[in-house]
Amino acid sequence: MARSRNKVPAHARHKKILKAAKGYRGARSKQFRTAHAAVWKAGQYAYVGRKVKKRSFRSLWIQRINAAVRELDENMTYSRFIGGLNKAGIEMDRKVMSDLAIGEPEAFA
């Protein structure tokens, strides 16, 4: 009986990795071992980047709300504003508040 050599699945895996590495510079898109490492690292960066994106957008929304609040009252701060909303029992996420502050400042006031 002939020896099984796993050629087709191995070739498919290599093709998949090299396709994912398309557009990378030099050996990173041509050689399997280098491409595999590059694709793996790119996946790690992408995973972390998705978390950082959420963080940076939340920061942006907070800055926008703070600017809008200070425009209305110079002594009011973001933390006092959020504290007041919590005491009043108003639940609204920061993304919506920032959109209100930018798009409809009269409604925000």
C-alpha atoms as a PDB file:
ATOM      1  CA  MET A   1       0.000   0.000   0.000  1.00  0.00           C
ATOM      2  CA  ALA A   2       1.296   3.454  -0.881  1.00  0.00           C
ATOM      3  CA  ARG A   3       2.336   5.836   1.863  1.00  0.00           C
ATOM      4  CA  SER A   4      -0.052   8.715   2.599  1.00  0.00           C
ATOM      5  CA  ARG A   5       1.765  11.993   2.262  1.00  0.00           C
ATOM      6  CA  ASN A   6      -0.859  14.666   3.086  1.00  0.00           C
ATOM      7  CA  LYS A   7       0.039  16.635  -0.038  1.00  0.00           C
ATOM      8  CA  VAL A   8      -3.336  18.142  -0.938  1.00  0.00           C
ATOM      9  CA  PRO A   9      -4.279  19.461   2.551  1.00  0.00           C
ATOM     10  CA  ALA A  10      -0.755  20.806   3.136  1.00  0.00           C
ATOM     11  CA  HIS A  11      -0.791  22.576  -0.231  1.00  0.00           C
ATOM     12  CA  ALA A  12      -4.227  24.037   0.555  1.00  0.00           C
ATOM     13  CA  ARG A  13      -2.989  25.348   3.912  1.00  0.00           C
ATOM     14  CA  HIS A  14       0.058  26.924   2.283  1.00  0.00           C
ATOM     15  CA  LYS A  15      -2.106  28.515  -0.410  1.00  0.00           C
ATOM     16  CA  LYS A  16      -4.436  29.931   2.245  1.00  0.00           C
ATOM     17  CA  ILE A  17      -1.562  31.538   4.158  1.00  0.00           C
ATOM     18  CA  LEU A  18       0.110  32.917   1.023  1.00  0.00           C
ATOM     19  CA  LYS A  19      -3.228  34.364  -0.111  1.00  0.00           C
ATOM     20  CA  ALA A  20      -3.632  36.087   3.261  1.00  0.00           C
ATOM     21  CA  ALA A  21      -0.074  37.482   2.943  1.00  0.00           C
ATOM     22  CA  LYS A  22      -0.750  38.969  -0.476  1.00  0.00           C
ATOM     23  CA  GLY A  23       0.529  42.533  -0.677  1.00  0.00           C
ATOM     24  CA  TYR A  24       3.194  42.084   1.998  1.00  0.00           C
ATOM     25  CA  ARG A  25       6.726  43.137   1.025  1.00  0.00           C
ATOM     26  CA  GLY A  26       9.457  40.771  -0.079  1.00  0.00           C
ATOM     27  CA  ALA A  27       9.671  37.269   1.354  1.00  0.00           C
ATOM     28  CA  ARG A  28       6.705  37.938   3.615  1.00  0.00           C
ATOM     29  CA  SER A  29       4.423  37.320   0.628  1.00  0.00           C
ATOM     30  CA  LYS A  30       6.453  34.616  -1.146  1.00  0.00           C
ATOM     31  CA  GLN A  31       7.964  32.180   1.376  1.00  0.00           C
ATOM     32  CA  PHE A  32       5.570  30.109   3.435  1.00  0.00           C
ATOM     33  CA  ARG A  33       7.418  30.199   6.743  1.00  0.00           C
ATOM     34  CA  THR A  34       7.945  33.961   6.683  1.00  0.00           C
ATOM     35  CA  ALA A  35       4.428  34.564   5.380  1.00  0.00           C
ATOM     36  CA  HIS A  36       2.955  32.371   8.126  1.00  0.00           C
ATOM     37  CA  ALA A  37       4.735  34.405  10.817  1.00  0.00           C
ATOM     38  CA  ALA A  38       3.674  37.675   9.179  1.00  0.00           C
ATOM     39  CA  VAL A  39       0.011  36.634   8.900  1.00  0.00           C
ATOM     40  CA  TRP A  40       0.016  35.397  12.507  1.00  0.00           C
ATOM     41  CA  LYS A  41       1.486  38.689  13.754  1.00  0.00           C
ATOM     42  CA  ALA A  42      -0.955  40.679  11.615  1.00  0.00           C
ATOM     43  CA  GLY A  43      -3.791  38.781  13.277  1.00  0.00           C
ATOM     44  CA  GLN A  44      -2.452  39.693  16.700  1.00  0.00           C
ATOM     45  CA  TYR A  45      -2.201  43.361  15.724  1.00  0.00           C
ATOM     46  CA  ALA A  46      -5.734  43.257  14.297  1.00  0.00           C
ATOM     47  CA  TYR A  47      -7.106  41.741  17.510  1.00  0.00           C
ATOM     48  CA  VAL A  48      -5.474  44.390  19.683  1.00  0.00           C
ATOM     49  CA  GLY A  49      -6.443  47.098  17.196  1.00  0.00           C
ATOM     50  CA  ARG A  50     -10.133  46.260  17.560  1.00  0.00           C
ATOM     51  CA  LYS A  51      -9.875  46.849  21.306  1.00  0.00           C
ATOM     52  CA  VAL A  52      -7.870  50.073  20.885  1.00  0.00           C
ATOM     53  CA  LYS A  53     -10.435  51.361  18.369  1.00  0.00           C
ATOM     54  CA  LYS A  54     -13.218  51.057  20.962  1.00  0.00           C
ATOM     55  CA  ARG A  55     -11.020  52.817  23.527  1.00  0.00           C
ATOM     56  CA  SER A  56     -10.117  55.703  21.239  1.00  0.00           C
ATOM     57  CA  PHE A  57     -13.714  56.273  20.095  1.00  0.00           C
ATOM     58  CA  ARG A  58     -14.925  56.381  23.700  1.00  0.00           C
ATOM     59  CA  SER A  59     -12.208  58.943  24.427  1.00  0.00           C
ATOM     60  CA  LEU A  60     -13.296  61.022  21.426  1.00  0.00           C
ATOM     61  CA  TRP A  61     -16.943  60.959  22.536  1.00  0.00           C
ATOM     62  CA  ILE A  62     -15.956  62.071  26.046  1.00  0.00           C
ATOM     63  CA  GLN A  63     -13.919  64.977  24.632  1.00  0.00           C
ATOM     64  CA  ARG A  64     -16.838  66.089  22.455  1.00  0.00           C
ATOM     65  CA  ILE A  65     -19.306  65.927  25.345  1.00  0.00           C
ATOM     66  CA  ASN A  66     -16.882  67.826  27.584  1.00  0.00           C
ATOM     67  CA  ALA A  67     -16.465  70.574  24.959  1.00  0.00           C
ATOM     68  CA  ALA A  68     -20.229  70.887  24.509  1.00  0.00           C
ATOM     69  CA  VAL A  69     -20.843  71.007  28.274  1.00  0.00           C
ATOM     70  CA  ARG A  70     -18.191  73.692  28.801  1.00  0.00           C
ATOM     71  CA  GLU A  71     -19.683  75.751  25.970  1.00  0.00           C
ATOM     72  CA  LEU A  72     -22.974  75.885  27.860  1.00  0.00           C
ATOM     73  CA  ASP A  73     -21.504  76.527  31.316  1.00  0.00           C
ATOM     74  CA  GLU A  74     -17.821  77.329  31.943  1.00  0.00           C
ATOM     75  CA  ASN A  75     -17.886  75.934  35.505  1.00  0.00           C
ATOM     76  CA  MET A  76     -19.456  72.622  34.460  1.00  0.00           C
ATOM     77  CA  THR A  77     -17.102  69.690  33.847  1.00  0.00           C
ATOM     78  CA  TYR A  78     -17.690  66.390  32.111  1.00  0.00           C
ATOM     79  CA  SER A  79     -17.576  64.424  35.357  1.00  0.00           C
ATOM     80  CA  ARG A  80     -20.124  66.722  37.056  1.00  0.00           C
ATOM     81  CA  PHE A  81     -22.366  66.455  33.998  1.00  0.00           C
ATOM     82  CA  ILE A  82     -22.242  62.639  33.963  1.00  0.00           C
ATOM     83  CA  GLY A  83     -22.744  62.575  37.740  1.00  0.00           C
ATOM     84  CA  GLY A  84     -25.827  64.765  37.354  1.00  0.00           C
ATOM     85  CA  LEU A  85     -27.232  62.518  34.652  1.00  0.00           C
ATOM     86  CA  ASN A  86     -26.724  59.455  36.853  1.00  0.00           C
ATOM     87  CA  LYS A  87     -28.433  61.152  39.821  1.00  0.00           C
ATOM     88  CA  ALA A  88     -31.344  62.130  37.582  1.00  0.00           C
ATOM     89  CA  GLY A  89     -31.599  58.540  36.399  1.00  0.00           C
ATOM     90  CA  ILE A  90     -30.978  59.394  32.755  1.00  0.00           C
ATOM     91  CA  GLU A  91     -29.285  56.551  30.878  1.00  0.00           C
ATOM     92  CA  MET A  92     -27.838  57.554  27.535  1.00  0.00           C
ATOM     93  CA  ASP A  93     -24.638  56.236  26.015  1.00  0.00           C
ATOM     94  CA  ARG A  94     -21.745  58.550  25.225  1.00  0.00           C
ATOM     95  CA  LYS A  95     -21.915  57.946  21.487  1.00  0.00           C
ATOM     96  CA  VAL A  96     -25.491  59.252  21.278  1.00  0.00           C
ATOM     97  CA  MET A  97     -24.703  62.197  23.555  1.00  0.00           C
ATOM     98  CA  SER A  98     -21.694  63.154  21.440  1.00  0.00           C
ATOM     99  CA  ASP A  99     -23.814  62.974  18.258  1.00  0.00           C
ATOM    100  CA  LEU A 100     -26.400  65.202  19.916  1.00  0.00           C
ATOM    101  CA  ALA A 101     -23.758  67.661  21.031  1.00  0.00           C
ATOM    102  CA  ILE A 102     -22.299  67.906  17.510  1.00  0.00           C
ATOM    103  CA  GLY A 103     -25.427  67.593  15.356  1.00  0.00           C
ATOM    104  CA  GLU A 104     -28.080  69.313  17.454  1.00  0.00           C
ATOM    105  CA  PRO A 105     -26.504  71.614  20.045  1.00  0.00           C
ATOM    106  CA  GLU A 106     -29.881  73.218  20.876  1.00  0.00           C
ATOM    107  CA  ALA A 107     -31.303  69.805  21.849  1.00  0.00           C
ATOM    108  CA  PHE A 108     -28.205  69.120  23.941  1.00  0.00           C
ATOM    109  CA  ALA A 109     -28.709  72.326  25.913  1.00  0.00           C
END
